[in-house]
Amino acid sequence: MQQPILLFIGGTEIVFILFIVVLVFGADKLPEIARGLGKGMRTLKDATNDIKHEVTKSAKEANIVDTNVTKDIQQEINKVKDDVEDFSGSVKRNM
């Protein structure tokens, strides 16, 4: 069975990286690091939502509502969102 690859990093590499992180920062700093990662991902998600809303608002104001372009943008945003959620899910499971 093939392991899922995340950002070209396998499960073994992720475990090794987490081991190094624990050695460098200590177990007591891990929740703080995870909190920082969570805040960063939340900020990224909020920023993408703000951009999406601004683009949509500008398009509506200019009466440029091209559904194909809007769908393409929405698909790209969803891909990025899924990638971020996949990454955050693997980080949460390994911590």
PDB file of N, CA and C in Angstrom:
ATOM      1  N   MET A   1       0.841  -1.184   0.000  1.00  0.00           N
ATOM      2  CA  MET A   1       0.000   0.000   0.000  1.00  0.00           C
ATOM      3  C   MET A   1       0.883   1.244   0.000  1.00  0.00           C
ATOM      4  N   GLN A   2       0.557   2.194  -0.848  1.00  0.00           N
ATOM      5  CA  GLN A   2       1.356   3.400  -0.972  1.00  0.00           C
ATOM      6  C   GLN A   2       0.916   4.436   0.055  1.00  0.00           C
ATOM      7  N   GLN A   3       1.910   5.048   0.728  1.00  0.00           N
ATOM      8  CA  GLN A   3       1.608   6.081   1.706  1.00  0.00           C
ATOM      9  C   GLN A   3       1.256   7.374   0.984  1.00  0.00           C
ATOM     10  N   PRO A   4       0.328   8.154   1.538  1.00  0.00           N
ATOM     11  CA  PRO A   4       0.045   9.454   0.918  1.00  0.00           C
ATOM     12  C   PRO A   4       1.246  10.383   1.083  1.00  0.00           C
ATOM     13  N   ILE A   5       1.522  11.137   0.043  1.00  0.00           N
ATOM     14  CA  ILE A   5       2.651  12.051   0.059  1.00  0.00           C
ATOM     15  C   ILE A   5       2.114  13.467   0.206  1.00  0.00           C
ATOM     16  N   LEU A   6       2.647  14.192   1.161  1.00  0.00           N
ATOM     17  CA  LEU A   6       2.228  15.553   1.434  1.00  0.00           C
ATOM     18  C   LEU A   6       3.398  16.481   1.159  1.00  0.00           C
ATOM     19  N   LEU A   7       3.252  17.332   0.186  1.00  0.00           N
ATOM     20  CA  LEU A   7       4.317  18.265  -0.183  1.00  0.00           C
ATOM     21  C   LEU A   7       5.622  17.523  -0.449  1.00  0.00           C
ATOM     22  N   PHE A   8       5.527  16.385  -1.127  1.00  0.00           N
ATOM     23  CA  PHE A   8       6.677  15.557  -1.475  1.00  0.00           C
ATOM     24  C   PHE A   8       7.410  15.032  -0.247  1.00  0.00           C
ATOM     25  N   ILE A   9       6.702  14.949   0.889  1.00  0.00           N
ATOM     26  CA  ILE A   9       7.289  14.429   2.124  1.00  0.00           C
ATOM     27  C   ILE A   9       6.424  13.251   2.558  1.00  0.00           C
ATOM     28  N   GLY A  10       7.053  12.120   2.801  1.00  0.00           N
ATOM     29  CA  GLY A  10       6.325  10.939   3.246  1.00  0.00           C
ATOM     30  C   GLY A  10       6.101  10.950   4.749  1.00  0.00           C
ATOM     31  N   GLY A  11       5.394   9.943   5.223  1.00  0.00           N
ATOM     32  CA  GLY A  11       5.082   9.850   6.652  1.00  0.00           C
ATOM     33  C   GLY A  11       6.319   9.706   7.520  1.00  0.00           C
ATOM     34  N   THR A  12       7.285   8.934   7.045  1.00  0.00           N
ATOM     35  CA  THR A  12       8.519   8.740   7.810  1.00  0.00           C
ATOM     36  C   THR A  12       9.259  10.056   7.990  1.00  0.00           C
ATOM     37  N   GLU A  13       9.318  10.856   6.922  1.00  0.00           N
ATOM     38  CA  GLU A  13      10.010  12.139   7.015  1.00  0.00           C
ATOM     39  C   GLU A  13       9.302  13.097   7.973  1.00  0.00           C
ATOM     40  N   ILE A  14       7.973  13.063   7.963  1.00  0.00           N
ATOM     41  CA  ILE A  14       7.219  13.934   8.868  1.00  0.00           C
ATOM     42  C   ILE A  14       7.492  13.545  10.320  1.00  0.00           C
ATOM     43  N   VAL A  15       7.505  12.257  10.598  1.00  0.00           N
ATOM     44  CA  VAL A  15       7.797  11.789  11.958  1.00  0.00           C
ATOM     45  C   VAL A  15       9.201  12.209  12.360  1.00  0.00           C
ATOM     46  N   PHE A  16      10.147  12.081  11.448  1.00  0.00           N
ATOM     47  CA  PHE A  16      11.525  12.487  11.743  1.00  0.00           C
ATOM     48  C   PHE A  16      11.613  13.987  12.015  1.00  0.00           C
ATOM     49  N   ILE A  17      10.918  14.787  11.212  1.00  0.00           N
ATOM     50  CA  ILE A  17      10.917  16.236  11.421  1.00  0.00           C
ATOM     51  C   ILE A  17      10.304  16.575  12.770  1.00  0.00           C
ATOM     52  N   LEU A  18       9.196  15.913  13.116  1.00  0.00           N
ATOM     53  CA  LEU A  18       8.572  16.168  14.422  1.00  0.00           C
ATOM     54  C   LEU A  18       9.503  15.773  15.568  1.00  0.00           C
ATOM     55  N   PHE A  19      10.243  14.692  15.385  1.00  0.00           N
ATOM     56  CA  PHE A  19      11.213  14.268  16.395  1.00  0.00           C
ATOM     57  C   PHE A  19      12.288  15.341  16.587  1.00  0.00           C
ATOM     58  N   ILE A  20      12.789  15.881  15.492  1.00  0.00           N
ATOM     59  CA  ILE A  20      13.800  16.942  15.568  1.00  0.00           C
ATOM     60  C   ILE A  20      13.212  18.183  16.233  1.00  0.00           C
ATOM     61  N   VAL A  21      11.958  18.522  15.900  1.00  0.00           N
ATOM     62  CA  VAL A  21      11.300  19.683  16.515  1.00  0.00           C
ATOM     63  C   VAL A  21      11.191  19.492  18.020  1.00  0.00           C
ATOM     64  N   VAL A  22      10.824  18.292  18.462  1.00  0.00           N
ATOM     65  CA  VAL A  22      10.729  18.021  19.895  1.00  0.00           C
ATOM     66  C   VAL A  22      12.097  18.149  20.545  1.00  0.00           C
ATOM     67  N   LEU A  23      13.141  17.654  19.890  1.00  0.00           N
ATOM     68  CA  LEU A  23      14.485  17.766  20.457  1.00  0.00           C
ATOM     69  C   LEU A  23      14.950  19.212  20.543  1.00  0.00           C
ATOM     70  N   VAL A  24      14.663  19.995  19.516  1.00  0.00           N
ATOM     71  CA  VAL A  24      15.141  21.376  19.479  1.00  0.00           C
ATOM     72  C   VAL A  24      14.340  22.272  20.419  1.00  0.00           C
ATOM     73  N   PHE A  25      13.023  22.189  20.352  1.00  0.00           N
ATOM     74  CA  PHE A  25      12.189  23.113  21.114  1.00  0.00           C
ATOM     75  C   PHE A  25      11.702  22.550  22.436  1.00  0.00           C
ATOM     76  N   GLY A  26      11.660  21.263  22.582  1.00  0.00           N
ATOM     77  CA  GLY A  26      11.148  20.656  23.799  1.00  0.00           C
ATOM     78  C   GLY A  26       9.652  20.434  23.716  1.00  0.00           C
ATOM     79  N   ALA A  27       9.197  19.453  24.458  1.00  0.00           N
ATOM     80  CA  ALA A  27       7.781  19.086  24.417  1.00  0.00           C
ATOM     81  C   ALA A  27       6.882  20.195  24.956  1.00  0.00           C
ATOM     82  N   ASP A  28       7.381  21.013  25.879  1.00  0.00           N
ATOM     83  CA  ASP A  28       6.552  22.062  26.457  1.00  0.00           C
ATOM     84  C   ASP A  28       6.278  23.202  25.476  1.00  0.00           C
ATOM     85  N   LYS A  29       7.077  23.356  24.436  1.00  0.00           N
ATOM     86  CA  LYS A  29       6.871  24.414  23.451  1.00  0.00           C
ATOM     87  C   LYS A  29       5.960  23.982  22.294  1.00  0.00           C
ATOM     88  N   LEU A  30       5.696  22.684  22.145  1.00  0.00           N
ATOM     89  CA  LEU A  30       4.895  22.194  21.026  1.00  0.00           C
ATOM     90  C   LEU A  30       3.493  22.806  20.962  1.00  0.00           C
ATOM     91  N   PRO A  31       2.761  22.906  22.079  1.00  0.00           N
ATOM     92  CA  PRO A  31       1.432  23.537  21.985  1.00  0.00           C
ATOM     93  C   PRO A  31       1.512  24.987  21.511  1.00  0.00           C
ATOM     94  N   GLU A  32       2.535  25.706  21.945  1.00  0.00           N
ATOM     95  CA  GLU A  32       2.700  27.095  21.517  1.00  0.00           C
ATOM     96  C   GLU A  32       2.996  27.168  20.017  1.00  0.00           C
ATOM     97  N   ILE A  33       3.823  26.259  19.524  1.00  0.00           N
ATOM     98  CA  ILE A  33       4.137  26.216  18.101  1.00  0.00           C
ATOM     99  C   ILE A  33       2.890  25.861  17.305  1.00  0.00           C
ATOM    100  N   ALA A  34       2.135  24.880  17.776  1.00  0.00           N
ATOM    101  CA  ALA A  34       0.904  24.470  17.092  1.00  0.00           C
ATOM    102  C   ALA A  34      -0.103  25.615  17.069  1.00  0.00           C
ATOM    103  N   ARG A  35      -0.195  26.351  18.168  1.00  0.00           N
ATOM    104  CA  ARG A  35      -1.094  27.500  18.227  1.00  0.00           C
ATOM    105  C   ARG A  35      -0.687  28.545  17.194  1.00  0.00           C
ATOM    106  N   GLY A  36       0.606  28.788  17.092  1.00  0.00           N
ATOM    107  CA  GLY A  36       1.107  29.745  16.107  1.00  0.00           C
ATOM    108  C   GLY A  36       0.806  29.307  14.682  1.00  0.00           C
ATOM    109  N   LEU A  37       0.979  28.010  14.406  1.00  0.00           N
ATOM    110  CA  LEU A  37       0.644  27.489  13.081  1.00  0.00           C
ATOM    111  C   LEU A  37      -0.845  27.632  12.803  1.00  0.00           C
ATOM    112  N   GLY A  38      -1.659  27.361  13.808  1.00  0.00           N
ATOM    113  CA  GLY A  38      -3.104  27.494  13.643  1.00  0.00           C
ATOM    114  C   GLY A  38      -3.516  28.922  13.357  1.00  0.00           C
ATOM    115  N   LYS A  39      -2.925  29.868  14.092  1.00  0.00           N
ATOM    116  CA  LYS A  39      -3.237  31.278  13.862  1.00  0.00           C
ATOM    117  C   LYS A  39      -2.794  31.702  12.461  1.00  0.00           C
ATOM    118  N   GLY A  40      -1.637  31.220  12.038  1.00  0.00           N
ATOM    119  CA  GLY A  40      -1.148  31.550  10.707  1.00  0.00           C
ATOM    120  C   GLY A  40      -2.055  31.008   9.613  1.00  0.00           C
ATOM    121  N   MET A  41      -2.512  29.777   9.784  1.00  0.00           N
ATOM    122  CA  MET A  41      -3.406  29.189   8.790  1.00  0.00           C
ATOM    123  C   MET A  41      -4.757  29.901   8.791  1.00  0.00           C
ATOM    124  N   ARG A  42      -5.226  30.302   9.971  1.00  0.00           N
ATOM    125  CA  ARG A  42      -6.487  31.039  10.051  1.00  0.00           C
ATOM    126  C   ARG A  42      -6.358  32.390   9.352  1.00  0.00           C
ATOM    127  N   THR A  43      -5.229  33.051   9.541  1.00  0.00           N
ATOM    128  CA  THR A  43      -4.981  34.329   8.884  1.00  0.00           C
ATOM    129  C   THR A  43      -4.964  34.151   7.372  1.00  0.00           C
ATOM    130  N   LEU A  44      -4.324  33.081   6.899  1.00  0.00           N
ATOM    131  CA  LEU A  44      -4.280  32.793   5.472  1.00  0.00           C
ATOM    132  C   LEU A  44      -5.681  32.539   4.928  1.00  0.00           C
ATOM    133  N   LYS A  45      -6.475  31.784   5.653  1.00  0.00           N
ATOM    134  CA  LYS A  45      -7.842  31.497   5.227  1.00  0.00           C
ATOM    135  C   LYS A  45      -8.672  32.774   5.178  1.00  0.00           C
ATOM    136  N   ASP A  46      -8.545  33.621   6.197  1.00  0.00           N
ATOM    137  CA  ASP A  46      -9.279  34.883   6.213  1.00  0.00           C
ATOM    138  C   ASP A  46      -8.852  35.782   5.058  1.00  0.00           C
ATOM    139  N   ALA A  47      -7.554  35.801   4.763  1.00  0.00           N
ATOM    140  CA  ALA A  47      -7.048  36.629   3.669  1.00  0.00           C
ATOM    141  C   ALA A  47      -7.598  36.155   2.331  1.00  0.00           C
ATOM    142  N   THR A  48      -7.640  34.840   2.114  1.00  0.00           N
ATOM    143  CA  THR A  48      -8.183  34.336   0.848  1.00  0.00           C
ATOM    144  C   THR A  48      -9.670  34.638   0.735  1.00  0.00           C
ATOM    145  N   ASN A  49     -10.384  34.547   1.843  1.00  0.00           N
ATOM    146  CA  ASN A  49     -11.816  34.890   1.812  1.00  0.00           C
ATOM    147  C   ASN A  49     -12.010  36.373   1.520  1.00  0.00           C
ATOM    148  N   ASP A  50     -11.172  37.237   2.114  1.00  0.00           N
ATOM    149  CA  ASP A  50     -11.268  38.673   1.860  1.00  0.00           C
ATOM    150  C   ASP A  50     -10.998  38.978   0.386  1.00  0.00           C
ATOM    151  N   ILE A  51      -9.983  38.340  -0.170  1.00  0.00           N
ATOM    152  CA  ILE A  51      -9.657  38.554  -1.577  1.00  0.00           C
ATOM    153  C   ILE A  51     -10.810  38.113  -2.463  1.00  0.00           C
ATOM    154  N   LYS A  52     -11.373  36.950  -2.144  1.00  0.00           N
ATOM    155  CA  LYS A  52     -12.504  36.434  -2.922  1.00  0.00           C
ATOM    156  C   LYS A  52     -13.676  37.408  -2.878  1.00  0.00           C
ATOM    157  N   HIS A  53     -13.978  37.924  -1.692  1.00  0.00           N
ATOM    158  CA  HIS A  53     -15.099  38.851  -1.556  1.00  0.00           C
ATOM    159  C   HIS A  53     -14.831  40.165  -2.302  1.00  0.00           C
ATOM    160  N   GLU A  54     -13.595  40.656  -2.248  1.00  0.00           N
ATOM    161  CA  GLU A  54     -13.255  41.896  -2.949  1.00  0.00           C
ATOM    162  C   GLU A  54     -13.354  41.727  -4.461  1.00  0.00           C
ATOM    163  N   VAL A  55     -12.868  40.595  -4.970  1.00  0.00           N
ATOM    164  CA  VAL A  55     -12.945  40.344  -6.411  1.00  0.00           C
ATOM    165  C   VAL A  55     -14.402  40.244  -6.844  1.00  0.00           C
ATOM    166  N   THR A  56     -15.186  39.522  -6.078  1.00  0.00           N
ATOM    167  CA  THR A  56     -16.606  39.382  -6.405  1.00  0.00           C
ATOM    168  C   THR A  56     -17.321  40.724  -6.338  1.00  0.00           C
ATOM    169  N   LYS A  57     -17.033  41.508  -5.315  1.00  0.00           N
ATOM    170  CA  LYS A  57     -17.661  42.823  -5.153  1.00  0.00           C
ATOM    171  C   LYS A  57     -17.277  43.748  -6.302  1.00  0.00           C
ATOM    172  N   SER A  58     -16.007  43.751  -6.664  1.00  0.00           N
ATOM    173  CA  SER A  58     -15.557  44.598  -7.768  1.00  0.00           C
ATOM    174  C   SER A  58     -16.187  44.173  -9.085  1.00  0.00           C
ATOM    175  N   ALA A  59     -16.300  42.876  -9.291  1.00  0.00           N
ATOM    176  CA  ALA A  59     -16.910  42.379 -10.524  1.00  0.00           C
ATOM    177  C   ALA A  59     -18.381  42.766 -10.592  1.00  0.00           C
ATOM    178  N   LYS A  60     -19.079  42.685  -9.478  1.00  0.00           N
ATOM    179  CA  LYS A  60     -20.500  43.054  -9.474  1.00  0.00           C
ATOM    180  C   LYS A  60     -20.685  44.554  -9.703  1.00  0.00           C
ATOM    181  N   GLU A  61     -19.806  45.364  -9.101  1.00  0.00           N
ATOM    182  CA  GLU A  61     -19.905  46.814  -9.270  1.00  0.00           C
ATOM    183  C   GLU A  61     -19.639  47.217 -10.715  1.00  0.00           C
ATOM    184  N   ALA A  62     -18.734  46.512 -11.376  1.00  0.00           N
ATOM    185  CA  ALA A  62     -18.392  46.833 -12.759  1.00  0.00           C
ATOM    186  C   ALA A  62     -19.252  46.048 -13.748  1.00  0.00           C
ATOM    187  N   ASN A  63     -20.209  45.309 -13.244  1.00  0.00           N
ATOM    188  CA  ASN A  63     -21.065  44.452 -14.065  1.00  0.00           C
ATOM    189  C   ASN A  63     -20.253  43.503 -14.933  1.00  0.00           C
ATOM    190  N   ILE A  64     -19.206  42.995 -14.362  1.00  0.00           N
ATOM    191  CA  ILE A  64     -18.348  42.020 -15.057  1.00  0.00           C
ATOM    192  C   ILE A  64     -18.467  40.709 -14.302  1.00  0.00           C
ATOM    193  N   VAL A  65     -19.569  40.079 -14.421  1.00  0.00           N
ATOM    194  CA  VAL A  65     -19.765  38.813 -13.734  1.00  0.00           C
ATOM    195  C   VAL A  65     -19.690  37.714 -14.784  1.00  0.00           C
ATOM    196  N   ASP A  66     -18.482  37.262 -15.027  1.00  0.00           N
ATOM    197  CA  ASP A  66     -18.254  36.165 -15.959  1.00  0.00           C
ATOM    198  C   ASP A  66     -18.237  34.885 -15.144  1.00  0.00           C
ATOM    199  N   THR A  67     -19.237  34.067 -15.319  1.00  0.00           N
ATOM    200  CA  THR A  67     -19.361  32.883 -14.471  1.00  0.00           C
ATOM    201  C   THR A  67     -18.213  31.904 -14.676  1.00  0.00           C
ATOM    202  N   ASN A  68     -17.668  31.825 -15.884  1.00  0.00           N
ATOM    203  CA  ASN A  68     -16.554  30.907 -16.115  1.00  0.00           C
ATOM    204  C   ASN A  68     -15.322  31.340 -15.330  1.00  0.00           C
ATOM    205  N   VAL A  69     -15.011  32.628 -15.361  1.00  0.00           N
ATOM    206  CA  VAL A  69     -13.855  33.129 -14.616  1.00  0.00           C
ATOM    207  C   VAL A  69     -14.102  32.971 -13.127  1.00  0.00           C
ATOM    208  N   THR A  70     -15.310  33.288 -12.691  1.00  0.00           N
ATOM    209  CA  THR A  70     -15.644  33.154 -11.277  1.00  0.00           C
ATOM    210  C   THR A  70     -15.516  31.708 -10.819  1.00  0.00           C
ATOM    211  N   LYS A  71     -15.988  30.771 -11.640  1.00  0.00           N
ATOM    212  CA  LYS A  71     -15.886  29.357 -11.287  1.00  0.00           C
ATOM    213  C   LYS A  71     -14.429  28.917 -11.242  1.00  0.00           C
ATOM    214  N   ASP A  72     -13.622  29.399 -12.200  1.00  0.00           N
ATOM    215  CA  ASP A  72     -12.199  29.038 -12.211  1.00  0.00           C
ATOM    216  C   ASP A  72     -11.495  29.554 -10.954  1.00  0.00           C
ATOM    217  N   ILE A  73     -11.800  30.791 -10.596  1.00  0.00           N
ATOM    218  CA  ILE A  73     -11.200  31.362  -9.381  1.00  0.00           C
ATOM    219  C   ILE A  73     -11.643  30.575  -8.151  1.00  0.00           C
ATOM    220  N   GLN A  74     -12.930  30.245  -8.087  1.00  0.00           N
ATOM    221  CA  GLN A  74     -13.462  29.480  -6.954  1.00  0.00           C
ATOM    222  C   GLN A  74     -12.797  28.114  -6.866  1.00  0.00           C
ATOM    223  N   GLN A  75     -12.586  27.461  -8.016  1.00  0.00           N
ATOM    224  CA  GLN A  75     -11.927  26.160  -8.020  1.00  0.00           C
ATOM    225  C   GLN A  75     -10.494  26.269  -7.514  1.00  0.00           C
ATOM    226  N   GLU A  76      -9.771  27.294  -7.938  1.00  0.00           N
ATOM    227  CA  GLU A  76      -8.393  27.481  -7.482  1.00  0.00           C
ATOM    228  C   GLU A  76      -8.351  27.760  -5.984  1.00  0.00           C
ATOM    229  N   ILE A  77      -9.281  28.581  -5.514  1.00  0.00           N
ATOM    230  CA  ILE A  77      -9.332  28.872  -4.071  1.00  0.00           C
ATOM    231  C   ILE A  77      -9.639  27.602  -3.295  1.00  0.00           C
ATOM    232  N   ASN A  78     -10.559  26.793  -3.799  1.00  0.00           N
ATOM    233  CA  ASN A  78     -10.890  25.541  -3.118  1.00  0.00           C
ATOM    234  C   ASN A  78      -9.712  24.583  -3.115  1.00  0.00           C
ATOM    235  N   LYS A  79      -8.924  24.552  -4.199  1.00  0.00           N
ATOM    236  CA  LYS A  79      -7.736  23.697  -4.232  1.00  0.00           C
ATOM    237  C   LYS A  79      -6.743  24.120  -3.156  1.00  0.00           C
ATOM    238  N   VAL A  80      -6.503  25.432  -3.060  1.00  0.00           N
ATOM    239  CA  VAL A  80      -5.570  25.935  -2.051  1.00  0.00           C
ATOM    240  C   VAL A  80      -6.100  25.636  -0.656  1.00  0.00           C
ATOM    241  N   LYS A  81      -7.393  25.838  -0.454  1.00  0.00           N
ATOM    242  CA  LYS A  81      -8.004  25.583   0.847  1.00  0.00           C
ATOM    243  C   LYS A  81      -7.864  24.100   1.219  1.00  0.00           C
ATOM    244  N   ASP A  82      -8.106  23.212   0.247  1.00  0.00           N
ATOM    245  CA  ASP A  82      -7.974  21.780   0.506  1.00  0.00           C
ATOM    246  C   ASP A  82      -6.535  21.407   0.841  1.00  0.00           C
ATOM    247  N   ASP A  83      -5.578  22.007   0.118  1.00  0.00           N
ATOM    248  CA  ASP A  83      -4.174  21.733   0.390  1.00  0.00           C
ATOM    249  C   ASP A  83      -3.791  22.179   1.800  1.00  0.00           C
ATOM    250  N   VAL A  84      -4.280  23.355   2.191  1.00  0.00           N
ATOM    251  CA  VAL A  84      -3.986  23.862   3.535  1.00  0.00           C
ATOM    252  C   VAL A  84      -4.631  22.971   4.585  1.00  0.00           C
ATOM    253  N   GLU A  85      -5.866  22.554   4.342  1.00  0.00           N
ATOM    254  CA  GLU A  85      -6.552  21.687   5.303  1.00  0.00           C
ATOM    255  C   GLU A  85      -5.883  20.319   5.385  1.00  0.00           C
ATOM    256  N   ASP A  86      -5.428  19.781   4.240  1.00  0.00           N
ATOM    257  CA  ASP A  86      -4.712  18.506   4.245  1.00  0.00           C
ATOM    258  C   ASP A  86      -3.428  18.630   5.054  1.00  0.00           C
ATOM    259  N   PHE A  87      -2.697  19.727   4.840  1.00  0.00           N
ATOM    260  CA  PHE A  87      -1.455  19.932   5.567  1.00  0.00           C
ATOM    261  C   PHE A  87      -1.717  20.100   7.051  1.00  0.00           C
ATOM    262  N   SER A  88      -2.712  20.916   7.390  1.00  0.00           N
ATOM    263  CA  SER A  88      -2.994  21.140   8.816  1.00  0.00           C
ATOM    264  C   SER A  88      -3.507  19.877   9.473  1.00  0.00           C
ATOM    265  N   GLY A  89      -4.263  19.054   8.750  1.00  0.00           N
ATOM    266  CA  GLY A  89      -4.768  17.810   9.312  1.00  0.00           C
ATOM    267  C   GLY A  89      -3.640  16.853   9.619  1.00  0.00           C
ATOM    268  N   SER A  90      -2.648  16.769   8.732  1.00  0.00           N
ATOM    269  CA  SER A  90      -1.529  15.864   8.990  1.00  0.00           C
ATOM    270  C   SER A  90      -0.676  16.377  10.135  1.00  0.00           C
ATOM    271  N   VAL A  91      -0.551  17.695  10.267  1.00  0.00           N
ATOM    272  CA  VAL A  91       0.227  18.246  11.378  1.00  0.00           C
ATOM    273  C   VAL A  91      -0.500  17.966  12.683  1.00  0.00           C
ATOM    274  N   LYS A  92      -1.823  18.135  12.705  1.00  0.00           N
ATOM    275  CA  LYS A  92      -2.596  17.891  13.916  1.00  0.00           C
ATOM    276  C   LYS A  92      -2.539  16.427  14.310  1.00  0.00           C
ATOM    277  N   ARG A  93      -2.613  15.508  13.333  1.00  0.00           N
ATOM    278  CA  ARG A  93      -2.584  14.085  13.643  1.00  0.00           C
ATOM    279  C   ARG A  93      -1.230  13.657  14.176  1.00  0.00           C
ATOM    280  N   ASN A  94      -0.163  14.301  13.732  1.00  0.00           N
ATOM    281  CA  ASN A  94       1.173  13.897  14.153  1.00  0.00           C
ATOM    282  C   ASN A  94       1.601  14.553  15.452  1.00  0.00           C
ATOM    283  N   MET A  95       0.858  15.492  15.956  1.00  0.00           N
ATOM    284  CA  MET A  95       1.264  16.157  17.198  1.00  0.00           C
ATOM    285  C   MET A  95       0.670  15.515  18.365  1.00  0.00           C
TER     286      MET A  95
END
